[in-house]
Amino acid sequence: MEKIITTEKHPIKLWLRDIDADTLTQAKNLANLPSIHSHVAIMADAHVGFGMPIGGVAATTDIVIPNAVGVDIGCGVCAVPTSLSEIDREKLKQILGAIRKTIPLGFAHHRHSQPAHRMPAPPKGSRISDLPIVSKEYESALFQIGTLGGGNHFIEIQRADDGHIWLMIHSGSRNIGYRVANHYNDLAIALARKYGWTQGADQQLAALSLDSETAQKYLLEMKYCVDFARANRQLMRETIEDIIQQFCAPVRFGEAIDVAHNYAAKEHHFEREVLVHRKGATRAGLGETGIIPGSQGTASYIVRGKGNTESFSSCSHGAGRRLGRKQAQKQLDLQKEIRMLESQQILHAIRGRRDLEEAAGAYKDIEEVLCFQQDLVEVVTRLKPLAVVKG
């Protein structure tokens, strides 16, 4: 931990040295909510989000805050090792081409609905019909499962320090999570206006009382979206494994690691059961395996949690943005970013100025981000990018 801010209703514990003014304001807004338990934790990759900083962790006693989970519910990363220790550049190009033809990217969906058994089951004790937004979006979601999405979502083929090739996928719950998030945030705002609950609502932190039926519906639908996001990554992973097998057979794939970093979960911290909101933060319980991806020009890391209670057993979910998307497009040097990637012989996804929003220069230094959280995790494996597909 780098420092503690004690000027607000609840302390803010920071795992970064420098925090920009907008992100700090959001952290303070969160720390002044009456239902916050103990303190607010801000991870090393933190940057401004909607309402709550991305890279923030907050435990609440009697409310759930939809914007403290975010619109991409269940977004996360999966990684799997392969038996390959060599893969030549031409085969990498062929694999990337096959991935782009097979997995819809950005706003694209499948042309045909996917088998229903690929969809997750509803949370225990509930039915799809009990989930109003999920049931409404279910048929559309059949066309979206197994698709990457846009923004910072990616597929990477990487090489570990021991020489083995890995596959990594970063994606979320697509439109179904977005619809659920916005629906319940809108309901929380409407309730705040009705009853005059200005605190929180004015800072994009409108909340639902856990005693309410609406909050319980949100938690069920949120859980479904977390499971959908995991199923989405699993289908993509299996598809990519088949592609790699076509070009590099025989290949054995190890056990997949899959971690979400946008969700809320009941946990026990500081002598009380609370609802821990992780928005762009990864659970890092004692001995728990996590994934901290870098940018397309830097290493990613498989880590092991130390179970640090001060961070609510959490760590960063990545390197974190240094520049906003529009800022990166305006400020970064396109040719410099391309040269940096090509000097490392990375098959990258930078084609034009618009792509600079996901250039390595738009992100914080992953090594510095790791340095700030040595009390939260230890590094197990370092993975360097070889080839990248971006949404």
Protein backbone atom coordinates (compact mmCIF):
# COMPACT_ATOMS: atom_id res chain seq x y z
CA MET A 1 0.00 0.00 0.00
CA GLU A 2 1.32 3.42 -0.96
CA LYS A 3 -0.80 5.75 1.16
CA ILE A 4 -4.07 6.30 3.03
CA ILE A 5 -6.38 9.29 2.62
CA THR A 6 -8.29 10.06 5.82
CA THR A 7 -10.11 13.28 4.94
CA GLU A 8 -13.41 11.58 3.99
CA LYS A 9 -16.11 9.71 5.93
CA HIS A 10 -14.24 6.45 5.32
CA PRO A 11 -10.51 6.02 4.59
CA ILE A 12 -9.26 5.52 1.05
CA LYS A 13 -6.36 3.08 0.78
CA LEU A 14 -4.26 3.50 -2.36
CA TRP A 15 -1.98 1.03 -4.09
CA LEU A 16 -0.60 3.67 -6.44
CA ARG A 17 1.60 6.69 -5.93
CA ASP A 18 -0.09 9.15 -8.28
CA ILE A 19 -3.84 9.38 -8.82
CA ASP A 20 -5.43 11.87 -11.21
CA ALA A 21 -7.93 14.41 -9.92
CA ASP A 22 -11.03 12.87 -11.53
CA THR A 23 -10.27 9.37 -10.25
CA LEU A 24 -9.59 10.74 -6.77
CA THR A 25 -12.88 12.64 -6.79
CA GLN A 26 -14.73 9.42 -7.62
CA ALA A 27 -12.88 7.57 -4.85
CA LYS A 28 -13.88 10.31 -2.39
CA ASN A 29 -17.52 10.17 -3.50
CA LEU A 30 -17.49 6.45 -2.83
CA ALA A 31 -15.77 6.87 0.55
CA ASN A 32 -18.48 9.29 1.68
CA LEU A 33 -21.36 6.89 1.16
CA PRO A 34 -22.90 5.88 4.51
CA SER A 35 -23.10 2.16 3.69
CA ILE A 36 -19.39 1.69 2.94
CA HIS A 37 -17.78 -0.88 5.24
CA SER A 38 -14.33 -0.07 6.71
CA HIS A 39 -12.68 1.71 3.75
CA VAL A 40 -12.36 1.99 -0.01
CA ALA A 41 -9.44 0.27 -1.79
CA ILE A 42 -8.00 1.70 -5.00
CA MET A 43 -5.77 -0.62 -7.02
CA ALA A 44 -2.54 0.24 -8.83
CA ASP A 45 -4.20 0.36 -12.27
CA ALA A 46 -6.98 2.76 -11.24
CA HIS A 47 -8.43 5.29 -13.63
CA VAL A 48 -11.69 7.16 -14.00
CA GLY A 49 -14.89 5.24 -14.74
CA PHE A 50 -18.64 5.86 -14.48
CA GLY A 51 -19.32 6.70 -10.83
CA MET A 52 -16.66 4.43 -9.37
CA PRO A 53 -13.04 4.28 -10.49
CA ILE A 54 -12.05 1.31 -12.61
CA GLY A 55 -9.60 -0.45 -10.35
CA GLY A 56 -11.78 0.21 -7.29
CA VAL A 57 -12.96 -2.13 -4.53
CA ALA A 58 -15.75 -1.22 -2.11
CA ALA A 59 -17.62 -3.30 0.46
CA THR A 60 -21.15 -2.29 1.42
CA THR A 61 -23.35 -3.39 4.30
CA ASP A 62 -26.90 -2.94 3.05
CA ILE A 63 -26.85 -1.70 -0.56
CA VAL A 64 -25.74 -2.76 -4.01
CA ILE A 65 -24.46 -0.12 -6.46
CA PRO A 66 -24.91 -1.15 -10.13
CA ASN A 67 -22.30 1.38 -11.32
CA ALA A 68 -19.81 -0.09 -8.85
CA VAL A 69 -19.96 -3.28 -10.92
CA GLY A 70 -20.15 -1.55 -14.29
CA VAL A 71 -21.79 -2.16 -17.63
CA ASP A 72 -19.64 -5.11 -18.70
CA ILE A 73 -20.76 -7.42 -15.91
CA GLY A 74 -18.49 -10.44 -15.52
CA CYS A 75 -15.81 -9.09 -17.82
CA GLY A 76 -12.62 -11.01 -17.18
CA VAL A 77 -9.69 -12.92 -18.56
CA CYS A 78 -8.98 -16.57 -19.25
CA ALA A 79 -5.59 -18.06 -20.00
CA VAL A 80 -4.50 -21.56 -20.95
CA PRO A 81 -1.02 -23.06 -21.45
CA THR A 82 -0.24 -25.26 -24.43
CA SER A 83 2.32 -28.00 -25.02
CA LEU A 84 3.85 -25.90 -27.83
CA SER A 85 7.29 -24.43 -27.28
CA GLU A 86 7.71 -23.12 -30.83
CA ILE A 87 5.36 -21.49 -33.30
CA ASP A 88 6.72 -19.79 -36.41
CA ARG A 89 5.58 -16.39 -37.66
CA GLU A 90 3.80 -17.69 -40.76
CA LYS A 91 1.71 -20.11 -38.71
CA LEU A 92 0.91 -17.29 -36.30
CA LYS A 93 -0.37 -15.21 -39.20
CA GLN A 94 -2.50 -18.12 -40.42
CA ILE A 95 -3.91 -18.65 -36.92
CA LEU A 96 -4.76 -14.96 -36.57
CA GLY A 97 -6.48 -14.99 -39.95
CA ALA A 98 -8.55 -18.02 -38.99
CA ILE A 99 -9.50 -16.44 -35.65
CA ARG A 100 -10.69 -13.26 -37.38
CA LYS A 101 -12.80 -15.31 -39.80
CA THR A 102 -14.29 -17.53 -37.09
CA ILE A 103 -14.82 -15.32 -34.04
CA PRO A 104 -16.95 -12.17 -34.51
CA LEU A 105 -15.09 -9.06 -33.32
CA GLY A 106 -16.25 -5.63 -32.20
CA PHE A 107 -20.00 -5.17 -32.62
CA ALA A 108 -20.31 -8.26 -34.84
CA HIS A 109 -22.37 -11.27 -33.76
CA HIS A 110 -22.69 -14.81 -35.12
CA ARG A 111 -24.87 -15.16 -38.21
CA HIS A 112 -26.59 -18.15 -36.63
CA SER A 113 -27.64 -18.71 -33.04
CA GLN A 114 -25.35 -20.93 -31.00
CA PRO A 115 -26.57 -24.13 -29.31
CA ALA A 116 -28.62 -23.41 -26.19
CA HIS A 117 -26.46 -25.75 -24.10
CA ARG A 118 -23.62 -23.21 -24.46
CA MET A 119 -25.65 -20.75 -22.37
CA PRO A 120 -25.30 -20.86 -18.59
CA ALA A 121 -28.04 -22.18 -16.35
CA PRO A 122 -29.88 -19.61 -14.24
CA PRO A 123 -28.66 -19.13 -10.65
CA LYS A 124 -29.65 -21.92 -8.27
CA GLY A 125 -33.30 -21.79 -7.29
CA SER A 126 -34.31 -19.54 -10.18
CA ARG A 127 -35.51 -19.88 -13.77
CA ILE A 128 -34.74 -17.78 -16.83
CA SER A 129 -38.30 -16.44 -16.61
CA ASP A 130 -37.44 -15.07 -13.15
CA LEU A 131 -34.81 -12.82 -14.73
CA PRO A 132 -36.67 -10.04 -16.59
CA ILE A 133 -33.80 -8.52 -18.57
CA VAL A 134 -31.96 -11.80 -19.19
CA SER A 135 -35.14 -13.47 -20.45
CA LYS A 136 -35.78 -10.52 -22.75
CA GLU A 137 -32.23 -10.62 -24.15
CA TYR A 138 -31.81 -14.41 -24.15
CA GLU A 139 -32.51 -15.04 -27.85
CA SER A 140 -30.15 -12.24 -28.90
CA ALA A 141 -27.50 -13.57 -26.53
CA LEU A 142 -27.54 -16.89 -28.43
CA PHE A 143 -25.98 -14.96 -31.33
CA GLN A 144 -23.46 -13.21 -29.06
CA ILE A 145 -21.99 -16.03 -27.01
CA GLY A 146 -18.52 -16.83 -28.34
CA THR A 147 -17.87 -13.28 -29.61
CA LEU A 148 -15.10 -10.94 -28.49
CA GLY A 149 -16.65 -7.48 -28.35
CA GLY A 150 -14.73 -4.23 -28.73
CA GLY A 151 -12.82 -1.71 -26.65
CA ASN A 152 -9.95 -3.27 -24.73
CA HIS A 153 -11.05 -6.86 -25.33
CA PHE A 154 -8.41 -9.02 -26.94
CA ILE A 155 -7.16 -12.44 -27.94
CA GLU A 156 -3.42 -12.98 -27.53
CA ILE A 157 -1.00 -15.76 -28.24
CA GLN A 158 1.89 -15.44 -25.80
CA ARG A 159 5.17 -17.03 -24.79
CA ALA A 160 5.94 -17.77 -21.15
CA ASP A 161 9.39 -17.40 -19.62
CA ASP A 162 9.73 -21.21 -19.70
CA GLY A 163 9.18 -21.12 -23.49
CA HIS A 164 5.68 -22.54 -23.58
CA ILE A 165 2.99 -20.91 -25.71
CA TRP A 166 -0.15 -19.64 -23.98
CA LEU A 167 -3.54 -18.41 -25.17
CA MET A 168 -5.25 -15.49 -23.39
CA ILE A 169 -8.71 -13.98 -23.92
CA HIS A 170 -10.18 -10.83 -22.37
CA SER A 171 -13.92 -10.41 -22.88
CA GLY A 172 -17.19 -9.93 -21.04
CA SER A 173 -20.96 -10.33 -21.10
CA ARG A 174 -21.58 -8.43 -24.33
CA ASN A 175 -24.97 -6.75 -24.74
CA ILE A 176 -26.81 -8.82 -22.14
CA GLY A 177 -24.60 -7.46 -19.33
CA TYR A 178 -24.89 -3.94 -20.68
CA ARG A 179 -28.70 -4.14 -20.68
CA VAL A 180 -28.86 -5.55 -17.15
CA ALA A 181 -26.46 -2.91 -15.81
CA ASN A 182 -28.29 0.02 -17.35
CA HIS A 183 -31.74 -1.24 -16.40
CA TYR A 184 -30.94 -1.52 -12.70
CA ASN A 185 -28.89 1.66 -12.62
CA ASP A 186 -31.87 3.49 -14.14
CA LEU A 187 -34.15 1.96 -11.47
CA ALA A 188 -31.73 3.04 -8.73
CA ILE A 189 -31.70 6.60 -10.12
CA ALA A 190 -35.51 6.68 -10.31
CA LEU A 191 -35.81 5.53 -6.68
CA ALA A 192 -33.26 8.12 -5.58
CA ARG A 193 -35.27 10.88 -7.26
CA LYS A 194 -38.53 9.61 -5.80
CA TYR A 195 -37.26 9.54 -2.23
CA GLY A 196 -34.77 12.42 -2.44
CA TRP A 197 -31.67 10.29 -1.93
CA THR A 198 -29.26 12.75 -3.48
CA GLN A 199 -26.07 11.37 -1.94
CA GLY A 200 -24.60 8.84 -4.31
CA ALA A 201 -27.15 9.38 -7.07
CA ASP A 202 -25.65 12.78 -7.91
CA GLN A 203 -22.24 11.11 -8.31
CA GLN A 204 -23.44 8.24 -10.58
CA LEU A 205 -23.50 5.95 -7.53
CA ALA A 206 -27.24 5.34 -7.19
CA ALA A 207 -27.87 2.30 -5.01
CA LEU A 208 -30.51 -0.33 -4.33
CA SER A 209 -31.33 -1.48 -0.80
CA LEU A 210 -30.44 -5.15 -0.35
CA ASP A 211 -33.78 -5.57 1.44
CA SER A 212 -35.63 -4.73 -1.78
CA GLU A 213 -36.92 -7.15 -4.38
CA THR A 214 -35.27 -4.98 -7.06
CA ALA A 215 -31.81 -5.46 -5.53
CA GLN A 216 -32.33 -9.21 -5.26
CA LYS A 217 -33.39 -9.33 -8.92
CA TYR A 218 -30.27 -7.38 -9.86
CA LEU A 219 -28.02 -9.78 -7.95
CA LEU A 220 -29.61 -12.76 -9.73
CA GLU A 221 -29.31 -11.14 -13.15
CA MET A 222 -25.77 -9.98 -12.38
CA LYS A 223 -24.83 -13.56 -11.44
CA TYR A 224 -26.25 -14.80 -14.73
CA CYS A 225 -24.20 -12.21 -16.64
CA VAL A 226 -21.02 -13.26 -14.80
CA ASP A 227 -21.72 -16.86 -15.81
CA PHE A 228 -22.54 -15.78 -19.38
CA ALA A 229 -19.23 -13.90 -19.65
CA ARG A 230 -17.35 -17.00 -18.49
CA ALA A 231 -19.26 -19.19 -20.95
CA ASN A 232 -18.51 -16.64 -23.68
CA ARG A 233 -14.76 -16.88 -23.00
CA GLN A 234 -14.96 -20.67 -22.81
CA LEU A 235 -16.59 -20.97 -26.23
CA MET A 236 -13.99 -18.66 -27.78
CA ARG A 237 -11.20 -20.57 -26.07
CA GLU A 238 -12.42 -23.91 -27.41
CA THR A 239 -12.80 -22.41 -30.89
CA ILE A 240 -9.26 -21.02 -30.83
CA GLU A 241 -7.86 -24.28 -29.46
CA ASP A 242 -9.41 -26.06 -32.47
CA ILE A 243 -7.80 -23.50 -34.80
CA ILE A 244 -4.38 -23.90 -33.19
CA GLN A 245 -4.76 -27.67 -33.43
CA GLN A 246 -5.43 -27.36 -37.18
CA PHE A 247 -2.14 -25.54 -37.79
CA CYS A 248 0.13 -26.99 -35.10
CA ALA A 249 -1.15 -30.51 -34.29
CA PRO A 250 -0.63 -32.33 -32.07
CA VAL A 251 -1.18 -29.81 -29.26
CA ARG A 252 -2.14 -30.45 -25.65
CA PHE A 253 -3.89 -27.71 -23.70
CA GLY A 254 -3.51 -27.36 -19.95
CA GLU A 255 -6.15 -26.41 -17.42
CA ALA A 256 -7.68 -23.01 -18.18
CA ILE A 257 -7.56 -20.18 -15.65
CA ASP A 258 -10.59 -17.88 -15.75
CA VAL A 259 -11.08 -14.82 -13.53
CA ALA A 260 -13.74 -12.11 -13.60
CA HIS A 261 -13.01 -8.54 -12.57
CA ASN A 262 -16.44 -6.78 -12.74
CA TYR A 263 -18.91 -8.15 -10.19
CA ALA A 264 -20.24 -7.98 -6.63
CA ALA A 265 -20.08 -10.90 -4.21
CA LYS A 266 -20.95 -11.62 -0.59
CA GLU A 267 -17.77 -12.10 1.43
CA HIS A 268 -16.63 -11.81 5.04
CA HIS A 269 -14.29 -8.91 5.80
CA PHE A 270 -13.45 -7.08 9.01
CA GLU A 271 -15.82 -9.14 11.14
CA ARG A 272 -18.87 -8.74 8.95
CA GLU A 273 -20.55 -10.24 5.91
CA VAL A 274 -20.55 -7.57 3.22
CA LEU A 275 -21.15 -7.18 -0.49
CA VAL A 276 -17.77 -6.59 -2.14
CA HIS A 277 -17.96 -4.62 -5.40
CA ARG A 278 -14.96 -5.15 -7.67
CA LYS A 279 -14.93 -2.90 -10.70
CA GLY A 280 -11.81 -3.62 -12.71
CA ALA A 281 -10.27 -5.52 -9.81
CA THR A 282 -9.37 -9.20 -9.45
CA ARG A 283 -9.92 -11.33 -6.37
CA ALA A 284 -6.56 -12.28 -4.84
CA GLY A 285 -7.36 -14.53 -1.88
CA LEU A 286 -4.57 -16.46 -0.21
CA GLY A 287 -3.18 -18.90 -2.78
CA GLU A 288 -5.77 -17.89 -5.37
CA THR A 289 -4.61 -17.73 -8.99
CA GLY A 290 -5.19 -14.48 -10.85
CA ILE A 291 -4.38 -12.88 -14.20
CA ILE A 292 -3.02 -9.37 -14.68
CA PRO A 293 -2.76 -8.58 -18.41
CA GLY A 294 -0.56 -5.79 -19.73
CA SER A 295 -0.98 -4.04 -23.07
CA GLN A 296 -0.43 -5.53 -26.53
CA GLY A 297 3.17 -4.38 -26.33
CA THR A 298 4.00 -5.56 -22.81
CA ALA A 299 3.96 -8.70 -20.71
CA SER A 300 0.97 -10.16 -18.90
CA TYR A 301 1.22 -12.07 -15.62
CA ILE A 302 -0.24 -15.10 -13.92
CA VAL A 303 -0.17 -14.29 -10.20
CA ARG A 304 -0.94 -15.90 -6.86
CA GLY A 305 -2.91 -13.95 -4.26
CA LYS A 306 -1.58 -13.19 -0.78
CA GLY A 307 -5.02 -12.65 0.76
CA ASN A 308 -4.27 -9.14 1.94
CA THR A 309 -7.31 -8.05 3.96
CA GLU A 310 -6.56 -4.33 3.45
CA SER A 311 -7.44 -4.68 -0.26
CA PHE A 312 -10.41 -6.95 0.51
CA SER A 313 -8.21 -9.72 -0.96
CA SER A 314 -8.03 -7.97 -4.33
CA CYS A 315 -5.42 -6.85 -6.87
CA SER A 316 -5.34 -4.91 -10.13
CA HIS A 317 -7.09 -6.30 -13.20
CA GLY A 318 -4.47 -5.07 -15.66
CA ALA A 319 -2.05 -2.25 -16.35
CA GLY A 320 -4.77 0.41 -16.39
CA ARG A 321 -5.21 3.29 -18.79
CA ARG A 322 -2.73 6.18 -18.77
CA LEU A 323 -4.57 8.08 -21.50
CA GLY A 324 -8.27 8.22 -22.37
CA ARG A 325 -9.28 6.82 -25.74
CA LYS A 326 -9.62 10.15 -27.55
CA GLN A 327 -6.55 11.45 -25.74
CA ALA A 328 -4.48 8.51 -26.98
CA GLN A 329 -5.65 9.02 -30.57
CA LYS A 330 -4.62 12.68 -30.44
CA GLN A 331 -1.36 12.45 -28.49
CA LEU A 332 0.35 9.21 -29.42
CA ASP A 333 2.70 8.91 -32.40
CA LEU A 334 1.29 6.23 -34.72
CA GLN A 335 4.57 5.29 -36.35
CA LYS A 336 6.40 5.20 -33.02
CA GLU A 337 3.82 2.84 -31.55
CA ILE A 338 4.04 0.57 -34.61
CA ARG A 339 7.85 0.57 -34.54
CA MET A 340 7.85 -0.37 -30.86
CA LEU A 341 5.61 -3.38 -31.50
CA GLU A 342 7.45 -4.48 -34.62
CA SER A 343 10.83 -4.19 -32.90
CA GLN A 344 9.54 -6.92 -30.56
CA GLN A 345 8.26 -8.91 -33.57
CA ILE A 346 4.70 -8.78 -32.23
CA LEU A 347 1.92 -9.38 -34.74
CA HIS A 348 -0.12 -6.42 -33.51
CA ALA A 349 -3.49 -4.75 -34.12
CA ILE A 350 -2.41 -1.15 -34.79
CA ARG A 351 -3.42 -0.18 -38.33
CA GLY A 352 -4.38 3.49 -38.13
CA ARG A 353 -4.75 6.43 -35.77
CA ARG A 354 -8.08 5.17 -34.44
CA ASP A 355 -6.32 2.06 -33.14
CA LEU A 356 -4.07 4.18 -30.93
CA GLU A 357 -6.73 4.01 -28.23
CA GLU A 358 -5.42 0.49 -27.58
CA ALA A 359 -1.72 1.17 -28.22
CA ALA A 360 0.81 0.22 -25.57
CA GLY A 361 1.47 3.92 -24.97
CA ALA A 362 -2.13 4.41 -23.81
CA TYR A 363 -1.50 2.17 -20.80
CA LYS A 364 0.45 2.44 -17.57
CA ASP A 365 3.75 0.62 -17.10
CA ILE A 366 2.74 -2.93 -16.11
CA GLU A 367 6.03 -3.46 -14.26
CA GLU A 368 5.38 -0.40 -12.09
CA VAL A 369 1.78 -1.51 -11.50
CA LEU A 370 3.07 -4.89 -10.30
CA CYS A 371 5.66 -3.22 -8.10
CA PHE A 372 2.95 -1.26 -6.27
CA GLN A 373 1.08 -4.45 -5.30
CA GLN A 374 3.82 -6.76 -4.07
CA ASP A 375 1.86 -7.06 -0.81
CA LEU A 376 -1.17 -8.31 -2.74
CA VAL A 377 0.20 -10.90 -5.19
CA GLU A 378 3.32 -12.78 -6.22
CA VAL A 379 4.21 -13.49 -9.83
CA VAL A 380 3.89 -17.10 -10.98
CA THR A 381 4.41 -16.76 -14.76
CA ARG A 382 5.31 -13.93 -17.12
CA LEU A 383 3.77 -14.05 -20.61
CA LYS A 384 5.06 -11.95 -23.51
CA PRO A 385 2.78 -11.23 -26.50
CA LEU A 386 3.53 -12.86 -29.85
CA ALA A 387 0.30 -12.09 -31.73
CA VAL A 388 -2.74 -9.97 -30.92
CA VAL A 389 -6.35 -9.73 -32.11
CA LYS A 390 -8.27 -6.71 -30.81
CA GLY A 391 -11.99 -6.12 -30.77
